[in-house]
mmCIF file of all heavy atoms, coordinates in Angstrom:
data_MODEL
# 
_entry.id   MODEL 
# 
loop_
_atom_site.group_PDB 
_atom_site.id 
_atom_site.type_symbol 
_atom_site.label_atom_id 
_atom_site.label_alt_id 
_atom_site.label_comp_id 
_atom_site.label_asym_id 
_atom_site.label_entity_id 
_atom_site.label_seq_id 
_atom_site.pdbx_PDB_ins_code 
_atom_site.Cartn_x 
_atom_site.Cartn_y 
_atom_site.Cartn_z 
_atom_site.occupancy 
_atom_site.B_iso_or_equiv 
_atom_site.pdbx_formal_charge 
_atom_site.auth_seq_id 
_atom_site.auth_comp_id 
_atom_site.auth_asym_id 
_atom_site.auth_atom_id 
_atom_site.pdbx_PDB_model_num 
ATOM 1   N N   . ALA A 1 1  ? 38.203 78.684 3.699  1.00 0.00 ? 1  ALA A N   1 
ATOM 2   C CA  . ALA A 1 1  ? 38.179 77.220 3.636  1.00 0.00 ? 1  ALA A CA  1 
ATOM 3   C C   . ALA A 1 1  ? 39.088 76.657 4.725  1.00 0.00 ? 1  ALA A C   1 
ATOM 4   O O   . ALA A 1 1  ? 40.208 77.128 4.932  1.00 0.00 ? 1  ALA A O   1 
ATOM 5   C CB  . ALA A 1 1  ? 38.635 76.742 2.263  1.00 0.00 ? 1  ALA A CB  1 
ATOM 6   N N   . VAL A 1 2  ? 38.603 75.639 5.431  1.00 0.00 ? 2  VAL A N   1 
ATOM 7   C CA  . VAL A 1 2  ? 39.341 75.052 6.548  1.00 0.00 ? 2  VAL A CA  1 
ATOM 8   C C   . VAL A 1 2  ? 39.975 73.740 6.110  1.00 0.00 ? 2  VAL A C   1 
ATOM 9   O O   . VAL A 1 2  ? 39.331 72.906 5.471  1.00 0.00 ? 2  VAL A O   1 
ATOM 10  C CB  . VAL A 1 2  ? 38.397 74.797 7.748  1.00 0.00 ? 2  VAL A CB  1 
ATOM 11  C CG1 . VAL A 1 2  ? 39.154 74.116 8.887  1.00 0.00 ? 2  VAL A CG1 1 
ATOM 12  C CG2 . VAL A 1 2  ? 37.793 76.113 8.226  1.00 0.00 ? 2  VAL A CG2 1 
ATOM 13  N N   . LYS A 1 3  ? 41.243 73.559 6.452  1.00 0.00 ? 3  LYS A N   1 
ATOM 14  C CA  . LYS A 1 3  ? 41.944 72.316 6.160  1.00 0.00 ? 3  LYS A CA  1 
ATOM 15  C C   . LYS A 1 3  ? 41.718 71.323 7.299  1.00 0.00 ? 3  LYS A C   1 
ATOM 16  O O   . LYS A 1 3  ? 42.112 71.571 8.431  1.00 0.00 ? 3  LYS A O   1 
ATOM 17  C CB  . LYS A 1 3  ? 43.443 72.553 5.980  1.00 0.00 ? 3  LYS A CB  1 
ATOM 18  C CG  . LYS A 1 3  ? 43.819 73.177 4.661  1.00 0.00 ? 3  LYS A CG  1 
ATOM 19  C CD  . LYS A 1 3  ? 45.341 73.176 4.494  1.00 0.00 ? 3  LYS A CD  1 
ATOM 20  C CE  . LYS A 1 3  ? 45.743 73.711 3.133  1.00 0.00 ? 3  LYS A CE  1 
ATOM 21  N NZ  . LYS A 1 3  ? 47.224 73.640 2.926  1.00 0.00 ? 3  LYS A NZ  1 
ATOM 22  N N   . LEU A 1 4  ? 41.097 70.211 6.982  1.00 0.00 ? 4  LEU A N   1 
ATOM 23  C CA  . LEU A 1 4  ? 40.867 69.162 7.965  1.00 0.00 ? 4  LEU A CA  1 
ATOM 24  C C   . LEU A 1 4  ? 41.777 67.970 7.730  1.00 0.00 ? 4  LEU A C   1 
ATOM 25  O O   . LEU A 1 4  ? 41.869 67.069 8.561  1.00 0.00 ? 4  LEU A O   1 
ATOM 26  C CB  . LEU A 1 4  ? 39.401 68.697 7.920  1.00 0.00 ? 4  LEU A CB  1 
ATOM 27  C CG  . LEU A 1 4  ? 38.345 69.791 8.153  1.00 0.00 ? 4  LEU A CG  1 
ATOM 28  C CD1 . LEU A 1 4  ? 36.950 69.219 7.965  1.00 0.00 ? 4  LEU A CD1 1 
ATOM 29  C CD2 . LEU A 1 4  ? 38.487 70.384 9.543  1.00 0.00 ? 4  LEU A CD2 1 
ATOM 30  N N   . GLY A 1 5  ? 42.435 67.969 6.565  1.00 0.00 ? 5  GLY A N   1 
ATOM 31  C CA  . GLY A 1 5  ? 43.271 66.835 6.187  1.00 0.00 ? 5  GLY A CA  1 
ATOM 32  C C   . GLY A 1 5  ? 42.488 65.848 5.344  1.00 0.00 ? 5  GLY A C   1 
ATOM 33  O O   . GLY A 1 5  ? 41.273 65.705 5.521  1.00 0.00 ? 5  GLY A O   1 
ATOM 34  N N   . PRO A 1 6  ? 43.139 65.165 4.417  1.00 0.00 ? 6  PRO A N   1 
ATOM 35  C CA  . PRO A 1 6  ? 42.432 64.189 3.564  1.00 0.00 ? 6  PRO A CA  1 
ATOM 36  C C   . PRO A 1 6  ? 41.843 63.055 4.398  1.00 0.00 ? 6  PRO A C   1 
ATOM 37  O O   . PRO A 1 6  ? 42.442 62.634 5.389  1.00 0.00 ? 6  PRO A O   1 
ATOM 38  C CB  . PRO A 1 6  ? 43.537 63.669 2.630  1.00 0.00 ? 6  PRO A CB  1 
ATOM 39  C CG  . PRO A 1 6  ? 44.629 64.683 2.704  1.00 0.00 ? 6  PRO A CG  1 
ATOM 40  C CD  . PRO A 1 6  ? 44.568 65.260 4.080  1.00 0.00 ? 6  PRO A CD  1 
ATOM 41  N N   . TRP A 1 7  ? 40.691 62.574 4.000  1.00 0.00 ? 7  TRP A N   1 
ATOM 42  C CA  . TRP A 1 7  ? 40.098 61.418 4.671  1.00 0.00 ? 7  TRP A CA  1 
ATOM 43  C C   . TRP A 1 7  ? 40.918 60.192 4.295  1.00 0.00 ? 7  TRP A C   1 
ATOM 44  O O   . TRP A 1 7  ? 41.129 59.917 3.125  1.00 0.00 ? 7  TRP A O   1 
ATOM 45  C CB  . TRP A 1 7  ? 38.649 61.251 4.206  1.00 0.00 ? 7  TRP A CB  1 
ATOM 46  C CG  . TRP A 1 7  ? 37.858 60.283 5.047  1.00 0.00 ? 7  TRP A CG  1 
ATOM 47  C CD1 . TRP A 1 7  ? 37.979 58.924 5.043  1.00 0.00 ? 7  TRP A CD1 1 
ATOM 48  C CD2 . TRP A 1 7  ? 36.846 60.599 5.983  1.00 0.00 ? 7  TRP A CD2 1 
ATOM 49  N NE1 . TRP A 1 7  ? 37.095 58.368 5.924  1.00 0.00 ? 7  TRP A NE1 1 
ATOM 50  C CE2 . TRP A 1 7  ? 36.374 59.378 6.524  1.00 0.00 ? 7  TRP A CE2 1 
ATOM 51  C CE3 . TRP A 1 7  ? 36.258 61.783 6.429  1.00 0.00 ? 7  TRP A CE3 1 
ATOM 52  C CZ2 . TRP A 1 7  ? 35.367 59.312 7.481  1.00 0.00 ? 7  TRP A CZ2 1 
ATOM 53  C CZ3 . TRP A 1 7  ? 35.260 61.713 7.385  1.00 0.00 ? 7  TRP A CZ3 1 
ATOM 54  C CH2 . TRP A 1 7  ? 34.823 60.493 7.904  1.00 0.00 ? 7  TRP A CH2 1 
ATOM 55  N N   . PRO A 1 8  ? 41.410 59.443 5.269  1.00 0.00 ? 8  PRO A N   1 
ATOM 56  C CA  . PRO A 1 8  ? 42.332 58.342 4.965  1.00 0.00 ? 8  PRO A CA  1 
ATOM 57  C C   . PRO A 1 8  ? 41.668 57.162 4.257  1.00 0.00 ? 8  PRO A C   1 
ATOM 58  O O   . PRO A 1 8  ? 40.465 56.934 4.384  1.00 0.00 ? 8  PRO A O   1 
ATOM 59  C CB  . PRO A 1 8  ? 42.840 57.919 6.349  1.00 0.00 ? 8  PRO A CB  1 
ATOM 60  C CG  . PRO A 1 8  ? 41.756 58.342 7.290  1.00 0.00 ? 8  PRO A CG  1 
ATOM 61  C CD  . PRO A 1 8  ? 41.180 59.609 6.718  1.00 0.00 ? 8  PRO A CD  1 
ATOM 62  N N   . TYR A 1 9  ? 42.481 56.436 3.519  1.00 0.00 ? 9  TYR A N   1 
ATOM 63  C CA  . TYR A 1 9  ? 42.042 55.197 2.874  1.00 0.00 ? 9  TYR A CA  1 
ATOM 64  C C   . TYR A 1 9  ? 42.297 54.054 3.836  1.00 0.00 ? 9  TYR A C   1 
ATOM 65  O O   . TYR A 1 9  ? 43.437 53.792 4.230  1.00 0.00 ? 9  TYR A O   1 
ATOM 66  C CB  . TYR A 1 9  ? 42.818 54.998 1.569  1.00 0.00 ? 9  TYR A CB  1 
ATOM 67  C CG  . TYR A 1 9  ? 42.606 53.647 0.915  1.00 0.00 ? 9  TYR A CG  1 
ATOM 68  C CD1 . TYR A 1 9  ? 41.335 53.218 0.567  1.00 0.00 ? 9  TYR A CD1 1 
ATOM 69  C CD2 . TYR A 1 9  ? 43.696 52.821 0.633  1.00 0.00 ? 9  TYR A CD2 1 
ATOM 70  C CE1 . TYR A 1 9  ? 41.141 51.980 -0.043 1.00 0.00 ? 9  TYR A CE1 1 
ATOM 71  C CE2 . TYR A 1 9  ? 43.513 51.590 0.013  1.00 0.00 ? 9  TYR A CE2 1 
ATOM 72  C CZ  . TYR A 1 9  ? 42.243 51.170 -0.320 1.00 0.00 ? 9  TYR A CZ  1 
ATOM 73  O OH  . TYR A 1 9  ? 42.059 49.958 -0.921 1.00 0.00 ? 9  TYR A OH  1 
ATOM 74  N N   . ASN A 1 10 ? 41.240 53.356 4.250  1.00 0.00 ? 10 ASN A N   1 
ATOM 75  C CA  . ASN A 1 10 ? 41.375 52.295 5.239  1.00 0.00 ? 10 ASN A CA  1 
ATOM 76  C C   . ASN A 1 10 ? 40.244 51.279 5.048  1.00 0.00 ? 10 ASN A C   1 
ATOM 77  O O   . ASN A 1 10 ? 39.214 51.330 5.733  1.00 0.00 ? 10 ASN A O   1 
ATOM 78  C CB  . ASN A 1 10 ? 41.344 52.877 6.661  1.00 0.00 ? 10 ASN A CB  1 
ATOM 79  C CG  . ASN A 1 10 ? 41.720 51.852 7.723  1.00 0.00 ? 10 ASN A CG  1 
ATOM 80  O OD1 . ASN A 1 10 ? 41.578 50.652 7.513  1.00 0.00 ? 10 ASN A OD1 1 
ATOM 81  N ND2 . ASN A 1 10 ? 42.198 52.332 8.862  1.00 0.00 ? 10 ASN A ND2 1 
ATOM 82  N N   . PRO A 1 11 ? 40.397 50.349 4.088  1.00 0.00 ? 11 PRO A N   1 
ATOM 83  C CA  . PRO A 1 11 ? 39.334 49.375 3.826  1.00 0.00 ? 11 PRO A CA  1 
ATOM 84  C C   . PRO A 1 11 ? 39.002 48.494 5.028  1.00 0.00 ? 11 PRO A C   1 
ATOM 85  O O   . PRO A 1 11 ? 37.850 48.068 5.183  1.00 0.00 ? 11 PRO A O   1 
ATOM 86  C CB  . PRO A 1 11 ? 39.885 48.557 2.658  1.00 0.00 ? 11 PRO A CB  1 
ATOM 87  C CG  . PRO A 1 11 ? 41.359 48.813 2.636  1.00 0.00 ? 11 PRO A CG  1 
ATOM 88  C CD  . PRO A 1 11 ? 41.549 50.174 3.191  1.00 0.00 ? 11 PRO A CD  1 
ATOM 89  N N   . LYS A 1 12 ? 39.986 48.226 5.880  1.00 0.00 ? 12 LYS A N   1 
ATOM 90  C CA  . LYS A 1 12 ? 39.721 47.437 7.078  1.00 0.00 ? 12 LYS A CA  1 
ATOM 91  C C   . LYS A 1 12 ? 38.740 48.166 7.982  1.00 0.00 ? 12 LYS A C   1 
ATOM 92  O O   . LYS A 1 12 ? 37.776 47.579 8.496  1.00 0.00 ? 12 LYS A O   1 
ATOM 93  C CB  . LYS A 1 12 ? 41.024 47.164 7.834  1.00 0.00 ? 12 LYS A CB  1 
ATOM 94  C CG  . LYS A 1 12 ? 40.835 46.321 9.086  1.00 0.00 ? 12 LYS A CG  1 
ATOM 95  C CD  . LYS A 1 12 ? 42.154 46.065 9.806  1.00 0.00 ? 12 LYS A CD  1 
ATOM 96  C CE  . LYS A 1 12 ? 41.925 45.261 11.084 1.00 0.00 ? 12 LYS A CE  1 
ATOM 97  N NZ  . LYS A 1 12 ? 43.210 45.030 11.818 1.00 0.00 ? 12 LYS A NZ  1 
ATOM 98  N N   . LYS A 1 13 ? 38.977 49.449 8.180  1.00 0.00 ? 13 LYS A N   1 
ATOM 99  C CA  . LYS A 1 13 ? 38.079 50.260 8.994  1.00 0.00 ? 13 LYS A CA  1 
ATOM 100 C C   . LYS A 1 13 ? 36.692 50.318 8.349  1.00 0.00 ? 13 LYS A C   1 
ATOM 101 O O   . LYS A 1 13 ? 35.659 50.290 9.043  1.00 0.00 ? 13 LYS A O   1 
ATOM 102 C CB  . LYS A 1 13 ? 38.657 51.672 9.137  1.00 0.00 ? 13 LYS A CB  1 
ATOM 103 C CG  . LYS A 1 13 ? 37.802 52.630 9.946  1.00 0.00 ? 13 LYS A CG  1 
ATOM 104 C CD  . LYS A 1 13 ? 37.753 52.269 11.413 1.00 0.00 ? 13 LYS A CD  1 
ATOM 105 C CE  . LYS A 1 13 ? 37.041 53.350 12.202 1.00 0.00 ? 13 LYS A CE  1 
ATOM 106 N NZ  . LYS A 1 13 ? 36.918 52.994 13.649 1.00 0.00 ? 13 LYS A NZ  1 
ATOM 107 N N   . ALA A 1 14 ? 36.658 50.381 7.020  1.00 0.00 ? 14 ALA A N   1 
ATOM 108 C CA  . ALA A 1 14 ? 35.377 50.415 6.306  1.00 0.00 ? 14 ALA A CA  1 
ATOM 109 C C   . ALA A 1 14 ? 34.552 49.165 6.599  1.00 0.00 ? 14 ALA A C   1 
ATOM 110 O O   . ALA A 1 14 ? 33.348 49.247 6.871  1.00 0.00 ? 14 ALA A O   1 
ATOM 111 C CB  . ALA A 1 14 ? 35.624 50.544 4.804  1.00 0.00 ? 14 ALA A CB  1 
ATOM 112 N N   . LYS A 1 15 ? 35.195 48.001 6.559  1.00 0.00 ? 15 LYS A N   1 
ATOM 113 C CA  . LYS A 1 15 ? 34.486 46.750 6.840  1.00 0.00 ? 15 LYS A CA  1 
ATOM 114 C C   . LYS A 1 15 ? 33.980 46.701 8.272  1.00 0.00 ? 15 LYS A C   1 
ATOM 115 O O   . LYS A 1 15 ? 32.870 46.223 8.545  1.00 0.00 ? 15 LYS A O   1 
ATOM 116 C CB  . LYS A 1 15 ? 35.408 45.557 6.569  1.00 0.00 ? 15 LYS A CB  1 
ATOM 117 C CG  . LYS A 1 15 ? 35.740 45.350 5.095  1.00 0.00 ? 15 LYS A CG  1 
ATOM 118 C CD  . LYS A 1 15 ? 36.661 44.152 4.910  1.00 0.00 ? 15 LYS A CD  1 
ATOM 119 C CE  . LYS A 1 15 ? 36.986 43.933 3.440  1.00 0.00 ? 15 LYS A CE  1 
ATOM 120 N NZ  . LYS A 1 15 ? 37.894 42.792 3.228  1.00 0.00 ? 15 LYS A NZ  1 
ATOM 121 N N   . GLU A 1 16 ? 34.779 47.209 9.206  1.00 0.00 ? 16 GLU A N   1 
ATOM 122 C CA  . GLU A 1 16 ? 34.368 47.221 10.609 1.00 0.00 ? 16 GLU A CA  1 
ATOM 123 C C   . GLU A 1 16 ? 33.127 48.090 10.805 1.00 0.00 ? 16 GLU A C   1 
ATOM 124 O O   . GLU A 1 16 ? 32.184 47.714 11.521 1.00 0.00 ? 16 GLU A O   1 
ATOM 125 C CB  . GLU A 1 16 ? 35.520 47.740 11.484 1.00 0.00 ? 16 GLU A CB  1 
ATOM 126 C CG  . GLU A 1 16 ? 36.718 46.795 11.553 1.00 0.00 ? 16 GLU A CG  1 
ATOM 127 C CD  . GLU A 1 16 ? 37.889 47.408 12.301 1.00 0.00 ? 16 GLU A CD  1 
ATOM 128 O OE1 . GLU A 1 16 ? 37.786 48.611 12.662 1.00 0.00 ? 16 GLU A OE1 1 
ATOM 129 O OE2 . GLU A 1 16 ? 38.901 46.715 12.513 1.00 0.00 ? 16 GLU A OE2 1 
ATOM 130 N N   . LEU A 1 17 ? 33.108 49.250 10.176 1.00 0.00 ? 17 LEU A N   1 
ATOM 131 C CA  . LEU A 1 17 ? 31.970 50.155 10.313 1.00 0.00 ? 17 LEU A CA  1 
ATOM 132 C C   . LEU A 1 17 ? 30.714 49.564 9.668  1.00 0.00 ? 17 LEU A C   1 
ATOM 133 O O   . LEU A 1 17 ? 29.605 49.706 10.206 1.00 0.00 ? 17 LEU A O   1 
ATOM 134 C CB  . LEU A 1 17 ? 32.301 51.508 9.676  1.00 0.00 ? 17 LEU A CB  1 
ATOM 135 C CG  . LEU A 1 17 ? 33.264 52.396 10.469 1.00 0.00 ? 17 LEU A CG  1 
ATOM 136 C CD1 . LEU A 1 17 ? 33.741 53.572 9.620  1.00 0.00 ? 17 LEU A CD1 1 
ATOM 137 C CD2 . LEU A 1 17 ? 32.590 52.906 11.738 1.00 0.00 ? 17 LEU A CD2 1 
ATOM 138 N N   . LEU A 1 18 ? 30.886 48.909 8.536  1.00 0.00 ? 18 LEU A N   1 
ATOM 139 C CA  . LEU A 1 18 ? 29.738 48.269 7.889  1.00 0.00 ? 18 LEU A CA  1 
ATOM 140 C C   . LEU A 1 18 ? 29.156 47.175 8.782  1.00 0.00 ? 18 LEU A C   1 
ATOM 141 O O   . LEU A 1 18 ? 27.923 47.033 8.887  1.00 0.00 ? 18 LEU A O   1 
ATOM 142 C CB  . LEU A 1 18 ? 30.145 47.687 6.536  1.00 0.00 ? 18 LEU A CB  1 
ATOM 143 C CG  . LEU A 1 18 ? 30.404 48.701 5.414  1.00 0.00 ? 18 LEU A CG  1 
ATOM 144 C CD1 . LEU A 1 18 ? 30.966 47.990 4.189  1.00 0.00 ? 18 LEU A CD1 1 
ATOM 145 C CD2 . LEU A 1 18 ? 29.123 49.449 5.058  1.00 0.00 ? 18 LEU A CD2 1 
ATOM 146 N N   . ALA A 1 19 ? 30.030 46.415 9.425  1.00 0.00 ? 19 ALA A N   1 
ATOM 147 C CA  . ALA A 1 19 ? 29.565 45.362 10.322 1.00 0.00 ? 19 ALA A CA  1 
ATOM 148 C C   . ALA A 1 19 ? 28.812 45.961 11.510 1.00 0.00 ? 19 ALA A C   1 
ATOM 149 O O   . ALA A 1 19 ? 27.754 45.456 11.918 1.00 0.00 ? 19 ALA A O   1 
ATOM 150 C CB  . ALA A 1 19 ? 30.743 44.531 10.810 1.00 0.00 ? 19 ALA A CB  1 
ATOM 151 N N   . GLU A 1 20 ? 29.358 47.041 12.084 1.00 0.00 ? 20 GLU A N   1 
ATOM 152 C CA  . GLU A 1 20 ? 28.697 47.713 13.205 1.00 0.00 ? 20 GLU A CA  1 
ATOM 153 C C   . GLU A 1 20 ? 27.317 48.224 12.811 1.00 0.00 ? 20 GLU A C   1 
ATOM 154 O O   . GLU A 1 20 ? 26.383 48.243 13.617 1.00 0.00 ? 20 GLU A O   1 
ATOM 155 C CB  . GLU A 1 20 ? 29.556 48.888 13.692 1.00 0.00 ? 20 GLU A CB  1 
ATOM 156 C CG  . GLU A 1 20 ? 30.825 48.493 14.410 1.00 0.00 ? 20 GLU A CG  1 
ATOM 157 C CD  . GLU A 1 20 ? 31.648 49.708 14.817 1.00 0.00 ? 20 GLU A CD  1 
ATOM 158 O OE1 . GLU A 1 20 ? 31.066 50.830 14.814 1.00 0.00 ? 20 GLU A OE1 1 
ATOM 159 O OE2 . GLU A 1 20 ? 32.838 49.560 15.120 1.00 0.00 ? 20 GLU A OE2 1 
ATOM 160 N N   . ALA A 1 21 ? 27.191 48.653 11.554 1.00 0.00 ? 21 ALA A N   1 
ATOM 161 C CA  . ALA A 1 21 ? 25.918 49.209 11.068 1.00 0.00 ? 21 ALA A CA  1 
ATOM 162 C C   . ALA A 1 21 ? 24.924 48.114 10.688 1.00 0.00 ? 21 ALA A C   1 
ATOM 163 O O   . ALA A 1 21 ? 23.787 48.413 10.313 1.00 0.00 ? 21 ALA A O   1 
ATOM 164 C CB  . ALA A 1 21 ? 26.177 50.116 9.877  1.00 0.00 ? 21 ALA A CB  1 
ATOM 165 N N   . GLY A 1 22 ? 25.355 46.852 10.771 1.00 0.00 ? 22 GLY A N   1 
ATOM 166 C CA  . GLY A 1 22 ? 24.454 45.751 10.456 1.00 0.00 ? 22 GLY A CA  1 
ATOM 167 C C   . GLY A 1 22 ? 24.598 45.217 9.047  1.00 0.00 ? 22 GLY A C   1 
ATOM 168 O O   . GLY A 1 22 ? 23.715 44.496 8.558  1.00 0.00 ? 22 GLY A O   1 
ATOM 169 N N   . TYR A 1 23 ? 25.715 45.514 8.396  1.00 0.00 ? 23 TYR A N   1 
ATOM 170 C CA  . TYR A 1 23 ? 25.943 45.052 7.024  1.00 0.00 ? 23 TYR A CA  1 
ATOM 171 C C   . TYR A 1 23 ? 27.305 44.340 6.931  1.00 0.00 ? 23 TYR A C   1 
ATOM 172 O O   . TYR A 1 23 ? 28.211 44.768 6.199  1.00 0.00 ? 23 TYR A O   1 
ATOM 173 C CB  . TYR A 1 23 ? 25.910 46.230 6.043  1.00 0.00 ? 23 TYR A CB  1 
ATOM 174 C CG  . TYR A 1 23 ? 24.623 47.001 6.084  1.00 0.00 ? 23 TYR A CG  1 
ATOM 175 C CD1 . TYR A 1 23 ? 24.508 48.167 6.854  1.00 0.00 ? 23 TYR A CD1 1 
ATOM 176 C CD2 . TYR A 1 23 ? 23.504 46.585 5.373  1.00 0.00 ? 23 TYR A CD2 1 
ATOM 177 C CE1 . TYR A 1 23 ? 23.320 48.879 6.904  1.00 0.00 ? 23 TYR A CE1 1 
ATOM 178 C CE2 . TYR A 1 23 ? 22.306 47.288 5.416  1.00 0.00 ? 23 TYR A CE2 1 
ATOM 179 C CZ  . TYR A 1 23 ? 22.227 48.437 6.188  1.00 0.00 ? 23 TYR A CZ  1 
ATOM 180 O OH  . TYR A 1 23 ? 21.049 49.146 6.233  1.00 0.00 ? 23 TYR A OH  1 
ATOM 181 N N   . PRO A 1 24 ? 27.479 43.265 7.675  1.00 0.00 ? 24 PRO A N   1 
ATOM 182 C CA  . PRO A 1 24 ? 28.778 42.562 7.678  1.00 0.00 ? 24 PRO A CA  1 
ATOM 183 C C   . PRO A 1 24 ? 29.138 41.998 6.306  1.00 0.00 ? 24 PRO A C   1 
ATOM 184 O O   . PRO A 1 24 ? 30.328 41.807 6.009  1.00 0.00 ? 24 PRO A O   1 
ATOM 185 C CB  . PRO A 1 24 ? 28.570 41.442 8.708  1.00 0.00 ? 24 PRO A CB  1 
ATOM 186 C CG  . PRO A 1 24 ? 27.084 41.230 8.725  1.00 0.00 ? 24 PRO A CG  1 
ATOM 187 C CD  . PRO A 1 24 ? 26.490 42.581 8.518  1.00 0.00 ? 24 PRO A CD  1 
ATOM 188 N N   . ASN A 1 25 ? 28.149 41.728 5.478  1.00 0.00 ? 25 ASN A N   1 
ATOM 189 C CA  . ASN A 1 25 ? 28.403 41.204 4.134  1.00 0.00 ? 25 ASN A CA  1 
ATOM 190 C C   . ASN A 1 25 ? 28.198 42.265 3.056  1.00 0.00 ? 25 ASN A C   1 
ATOM 191 O O   . ASN A 1 25 ? 28.083 41.957 1.871  1.00 0.00 ? 25 ASN A O   1 
ATOM 192 C CB  . ASN A 1 25 ? 27.480 40.010 3.858  1.00 0.00 ? 25 ASN A CB  1 
ATOM 193 C CG  . ASN A 1 25 ? 27.708 38.879 4.855  1.00 0.00 ? 25 ASN A CG  1 
ATOM 194 O OD1 . ASN A 1 25 ? 28.854 38.538 5.150  1.00 0.00 ? 25 ASN A OD1 1 
ATOM 195 N ND2 . ASN A 1 25 ? 26.626 38.316 5.380  1.00 0.00 ? 25 ASN A ND2 1 
ATOM 196 N N   . GLY A 1 26 ? 28.132 43.525 3.489  1.00 0.00 ? 26 GLY A N   1 
ATOM 197 C CA  . GLY A 1 26 ? 27.933 44.603 2.532  1.00 0.00 ? 26 GLY A CA  1 
ATOM 198 C C   . GLY A 1 26 ? 26.484 44.714 2.089  1.00 0.00 ? 26 GLY A C   1 
ATOM 199 O O   . GLY A 1 26 ? 25.569 44.199 2.748  1.00 0.00 ? 26 GLY A O   1 
# 
């Protein structure tokens, strides 16, 4: 098993990615 590190919690980044994907309002 390879350690990659926990995926960080970042709601701001989540909103940015959703907007980039075409879902600015979720």
